[in-house]
């Protein structure tokens, strides 16, 4: 059987639905076709890492800076590659 890949948004929606207690965890898991163990793992991850959302304005500045730097370097590498190709002929 092929494993299902869950998007982070889907996981959050399912966990929040479970936390609202509109239904039992068993009913929720049956509806979304996940195991209760999977639900509790997602819930525990959310509860343990949820405070990171409020740290640094909700955005990891280091990660954003590094992504920007990587994109800049890729552009430079691309430009240099084009220059090398021009000089070969």
N, C-alpha and C. Protein backbone atom coordinates (compact mmCIF):
# COMPACT_ATOMS: atom_id res chain seq x y z
N UNK A 1 0.84 -1.18 0.00
CA UNK A 1 0.00 0.00 0.00
C UNK A 1 0.88 1.24 0.00
N UNK A 2 0.53 2.21 -0.84
CA UNK A 2 1.29 3.45 -0.95
C UNK A 2 1.03 4.34 0.27
N UNK A 3 2.12 4.89 0.81
CA UNK A 3 1.98 5.79 1.96
C UNK A 3 1.42 7.13 1.51
N UNK A 4 0.55 7.67 2.30
CA UNK A 4 -0.02 8.98 1.99
C UNK A 4 0.89 10.07 2.52
N UNK A 5 1.10 11.09 1.73
CA UNK A 5 1.89 12.24 2.14
C UNK A 5 0.93 13.36 2.57
N UNK A 6 1.08 13.79 3.79
CA UNK A 6 0.21 14.84 4.33
C UNK A 6 0.93 16.18 4.28
N UNK A 7 0.24 17.19 3.80
CA UNK A 7 0.78 18.55 3.80
C UNK A 7 0.70 19.09 5.22
N UNK A 8 1.62 19.98 5.58
CA UNK A 8 1.58 20.56 6.93
C UNK A 8 0.23 21.20 7.26
N UNK A 9 -0.39 21.84 6.28
CA UNK A 9 -1.68 22.50 6.51
C UNK A 9 -2.76 21.46 6.86
N UNK A 10 -2.69 20.30 6.20
CA UNK A 10 -3.66 19.25 6.47
C UNK A 10 -3.48 18.69 7.88
N UNK A 11 -2.23 18.49 8.26
CA UNK A 11 -1.94 17.98 9.60
C UNK A 11 -2.46 18.95 10.66
N UNK A 12 -2.19 20.23 10.46
CA UNK A 12 -2.65 21.24 11.42
C UNK A 12 -4.17 21.24 11.52
N UNK A 13 -4.84 21.17 10.38
CA UNK A 13 -6.30 21.17 10.38
C UNK A 13 -6.85 19.98 11.16
N UNK A 14 -6.27 18.80 10.95
CA UNK A 14 -6.73 17.60 11.64
C UNK A 14 -6.49 17.70 13.14
N UNK A 15 -5.30 18.16 13.52
CA UNK A 15 -4.99 18.27 14.95
C UNK A 15 -5.89 19.31 15.62
N UNK A 16 -6.10 20.44 14.96
CA UNK A 16 -6.97 21.47 15.53
C UNK A 16 -8.40 20.95 15.68
N UNK A 17 -8.83 20.18 14.71
CA UNK A 17 -10.16 19.57 14.79
C UNK A 17 -10.26 18.65 16.01
N UNK A 18 -9.20 17.91 16.27
CA UNK A 18 -9.17 17.03 17.43
C UNK A 18 -9.12 17.79 18.74
N UNK A 19 -8.43 18.91 18.75
CA UNK A 19 -8.33 19.71 19.97
C UNK A 19 -9.65 20.40 20.31
N UNK A 20 -10.45 20.69 19.30
CA UNK A 20 -11.75 21.34 19.54
C UNK A 20 -12.72 20.41 20.25
N UNK A 21 -12.48 19.12 20.18
CA UNK A 21 -13.30 18.10 20.86
C UNK A 21 -14.73 18.09 20.36
N UNK A 22 -14.95 18.37 19.07
CA UNK A 22 -16.29 18.25 18.49
C UNK A 22 -16.67 16.78 18.31
N UNK A 23 -15.65 15.93 18.25
CA UNK A 23 -15.87 14.49 18.10
C UNK A 23 -14.75 13.76 18.83
N UNK A 24 -14.86 12.46 18.92
CA UNK A 24 -13.80 11.71 19.58
C UNK A 24 -12.60 11.56 18.65
N UNK A 25 -11.44 11.30 19.23
CA UNK A 25 -10.23 11.10 18.43
C UNK A 25 -10.42 9.90 17.51
N UNK A 26 -11.09 8.90 17.98
CA UNK A 26 -11.35 7.71 17.18
C UNK A 26 -12.16 8.05 15.93
N UNK A 27 -13.22 8.83 16.09
CA UNK A 27 -14.04 9.25 14.95
C UNK A 27 -13.24 10.11 13.98
N UNK A 28 -12.46 11.01 14.52
CA UNK A 28 -11.62 11.89 13.70
C UNK A 28 -10.63 11.08 12.87
N UNK A 29 -9.98 10.14 13.51
CA UNK A 29 -8.98 9.32 12.81
C UNK A 29 -9.63 8.46 11.74
N UNK A 30 -10.78 7.90 12.04
CA UNK A 30 -11.50 7.12 11.03
C UNK A 30 -11.89 7.96 9.84
N UNK A 31 -12.35 9.17 10.09
CA UNK A 31 -12.78 10.06 9.01
C UNK A 31 -11.62 10.42 8.09
N UNK A 32 -10.44 10.64 8.69
CA UNK A 32 -9.28 11.05 7.89
C UNK A 32 -8.37 9.88 7.52
N UNK A 33 -8.75 8.70 7.93
CA UNK A 33 -8.02 7.47 7.64
C UNK A 33 -6.56 7.54 8.11
N UNK A 34 -6.42 7.91 9.38
CA UNK A 34 -5.10 7.89 10.03
C UNK A 34 -5.23 7.09 11.32
N UNK A 35 -4.11 6.67 11.85
CA UNK A 35 -4.15 5.96 13.13
C UNK A 35 -4.16 6.96 14.27
N UNK A 36 -4.63 6.51 15.42
CA UNK A 36 -4.63 7.38 16.59
C UNK A 36 -3.20 7.72 16.98
N UNK A 37 -2.29 6.78 16.80
CA UNK A 37 -0.88 7.04 17.10
C UNK A 37 -0.36 8.19 16.26
N UNK A 38 -0.72 8.20 14.97
CA UNK A 38 -0.28 9.28 14.08
C UNK A 38 -0.86 10.61 14.55
N UNK A 39 -2.14 10.61 14.89
CA UNK A 39 -2.77 11.84 15.38
C UNK A 39 -2.04 12.37 16.60
N UNK A 40 -1.76 11.50 17.57
CA UNK A 40 -1.11 11.95 18.81
C UNK A 40 0.32 12.42 18.56
N UNK A 41 1.00 11.82 17.59
CA UNK A 41 2.34 12.30 17.24
C UNK A 41 2.28 13.71 16.67
N UNK A 42 1.32 13.94 15.75
CA UNK A 42 1.16 15.28 15.19
C UNK A 42 0.77 16.28 16.27
N UNK A 43 -0.15 15.89 17.15
CA UNK A 43 -0.59 16.78 18.23
C UNK A 43 0.57 17.14 19.14
N UNK A 44 1.35 16.15 19.54
CA UNK A 44 2.49 16.40 20.43
C UNK A 44 3.53 17.29 19.77
N UNK A 45 3.74 17.10 18.47
CA UNK A 45 4.69 17.95 17.73
C UNK A 45 4.20 19.40 17.71
N UNK A 46 2.91 19.58 17.45
CA UNK A 46 2.34 20.92 17.44
C UNK A 46 2.47 21.58 18.81
N UNK A 47 2.14 20.84 19.84
CA UNK A 47 2.19 21.42 21.19
C UNK A 47 3.62 21.73 21.63
N UNK A 48 4.58 20.91 21.22
CA UNK A 48 5.96 21.16 21.64
C UNK A 48 6.64 22.25 20.81
N UNK A 49 6.28 22.35 19.53
CA UNK A 49 6.94 23.34 18.66
C UNK A 49 6.09 24.58 18.40
N UNK A 50 4.90 24.62 18.94
CA UNK A 50 3.99 25.73 18.68
C UNK A 50 4.52 27.07 19.14
N UNK A 51 5.34 27.08 20.17
CA UNK A 51 5.86 28.36 20.68
C UNK A 51 6.79 29.04 19.68
N UNK A 52 7.34 28.28 18.75
CA UNK A 52 8.23 28.87 17.74
C UNK A 52 7.49 29.86 16.84
N UNK A 53 6.20 29.69 16.71
CA UNK A 53 5.40 30.59 15.88
C UNK A 53 5.46 32.01 16.44
N UNK A 54 5.52 32.12 17.76
CA UNK A 54 5.51 33.43 18.39
C UNK A 54 6.91 34.00 18.59
N UNK A 55 7.91 33.23 18.35
CA UNK A 55 9.30 33.70 18.49
C UNK A 55 9.69 34.45 17.22
N UNK A 56 10.35 35.56 17.38
CA UNK A 56 10.87 36.34 16.25
C UNK A 56 9.78 36.75 15.28
N UNK A 57 8.64 37.12 15.76
CA UNK A 57 7.58 37.60 14.89
C UNK A 57 6.94 36.51 14.05
N UNK A 58 7.14 35.26 14.39
CA UNK A 58 6.51 34.18 13.66
C UNK A 58 7.30 33.71 12.46
N UNK A 59 8.40 34.36 12.14
CA UNK A 59 9.21 33.98 10.98
C UNK A 59 10.63 33.74 11.45
N UNK A 60 11.18 32.65 11.02
CA UNK A 60 12.57 32.34 11.36
C UNK A 60 13.48 33.18 10.47
N UNK A 61 14.02 34.25 11.02
CA UNK A 61 14.83 35.20 10.26
C UNK A 61 16.10 34.55 9.70
N UNK A 62 16.70 33.66 10.45
CA UNK A 62 17.93 33.01 9.98
C UNK A 62 17.64 32.18 8.74
N UNK A 63 16.56 31.45 8.77
CA UNK A 63 16.19 30.61 7.62
C UNK A 63 15.91 31.48 6.39
N UNK A 64 15.18 32.57 6.59
CA UNK A 64 14.88 33.47 5.48
C UNK A 64 16.16 34.08 4.91
N UNK A 65 17.08 34.47 5.78
CA UNK A 65 18.33 35.07 5.33
C UNK A 65 19.14 34.06 4.53
N UNK A 66 19.19 32.82 5.01
CA UNK A 66 19.95 31.79 4.32
C UNK A 66 19.33 31.46 2.96
N UNK A 67 18.02 31.41 2.88
CA UNK A 67 17.36 31.16 1.60
C UNK A 67 17.67 32.28 0.61
N UNK A 68 17.65 33.50 1.10
CA UNK A 68 17.96 34.64 0.24
C UNK A 68 19.40 34.56 -0.27
N UNK A 69 20.32 34.20 0.63
CA UNK A 69 21.72 34.09 0.25
C UNK A 69 21.94 32.97 -0.77
N UNK A 70 21.27 31.85 -0.59
CA UNK A 70 21.38 30.73 -1.53
C UNK A 70 20.89 31.16 -2.91
N UNK A 71 19.76 31.85 -2.96
CA UNK A 71 19.23 32.32 -4.24
C UNK A 71 20.19 33.28 -4.92
N UNK A 72 20.79 34.17 -4.14
CA UNK A 72 21.75 35.12 -4.68
C UNK A 72 22.96 34.38 -5.27
N UNK A 73 23.47 33.40 -4.55
CA UNK A 73 24.62 32.63 -5.01
C UNK A 73 24.29 31.81 -6.26
N UNK A 74 23.08 31.27 -6.32
CA UNK A 74 22.67 30.53 -7.52
C UNK A 74 22.64 31.44 -8.74
N UNK A 75 22.19 32.66 -8.54
CA UNK A 75 22.16 33.62 -9.64
C UNK A 75 23.58 33.94 -10.10
N UNK A 76 24.48 34.14 -9.17
CA UNK A 76 25.87 34.43 -9.51
C UNK A 76 26.49 33.26 -10.27
N UNK A 77 26.24 32.03 -9.79
CA UNK A 77 26.78 30.85 -10.46
C UNK A 77 26.23 30.75 -11.88
N UNK A 78 24.94 31.02 -12.03
CA UNK A 78 24.33 31.00 -13.36
C UNK A 78 24.96 32.02 -14.29
N UNK A 79 25.17 33.24 -13.80
CA UNK A 79 25.79 34.29 -14.61
C UNK A 79 27.21 33.91 -15.01
N UNK A 80 27.97 33.36 -14.08
CA UNK A 80 29.35 32.97 -14.37
C UNK A 80 29.40 31.81 -15.37
N UNK A 81 28.45 30.90 -15.27
CA UNK A 81 28.39 29.78 -16.21
C UNK A 81 28.11 30.29 -17.62
N UNK A 82 27.21 31.25 -17.74
CA UNK A 82 26.91 31.83 -19.04
C UNK A 82 28.15 32.52 -19.61
N UNK A 83 28.87 33.26 -18.77
CA UNK A 83 30.10 33.94 -19.22
C UNK A 83 31.13 32.93 -19.70
N UNK A 84 31.30 31.84 -18.98
CA UNK A 84 32.26 30.81 -19.38
C UNK A 84 31.87 30.19 -20.71
N UNK A 85 30.60 29.95 -20.92
CA UNK A 85 30.13 29.37 -22.18
C UNK A 85 30.39 30.33 -23.34
N UNK A 86 30.22 31.63 -23.13
CA UNK A 86 30.47 32.64 -24.16
C UNK A 86 31.95 32.65 -24.54
N UNK A 87 32.81 32.53 -23.55
CA UNK A 87 34.26 32.61 -23.79
C UNK A 87 34.82 31.34 -24.42
N UNK A 88 34.09 30.22 -24.37
CA UNK A 88 34.56 28.97 -24.96
C UNK A 88 34.57 29.05 -26.48
N UNK A 89 33.66 29.80 -27.04
CA UNK A 89 33.54 29.86 -28.51
C UNK A 89 34.20 31.05 -29.05
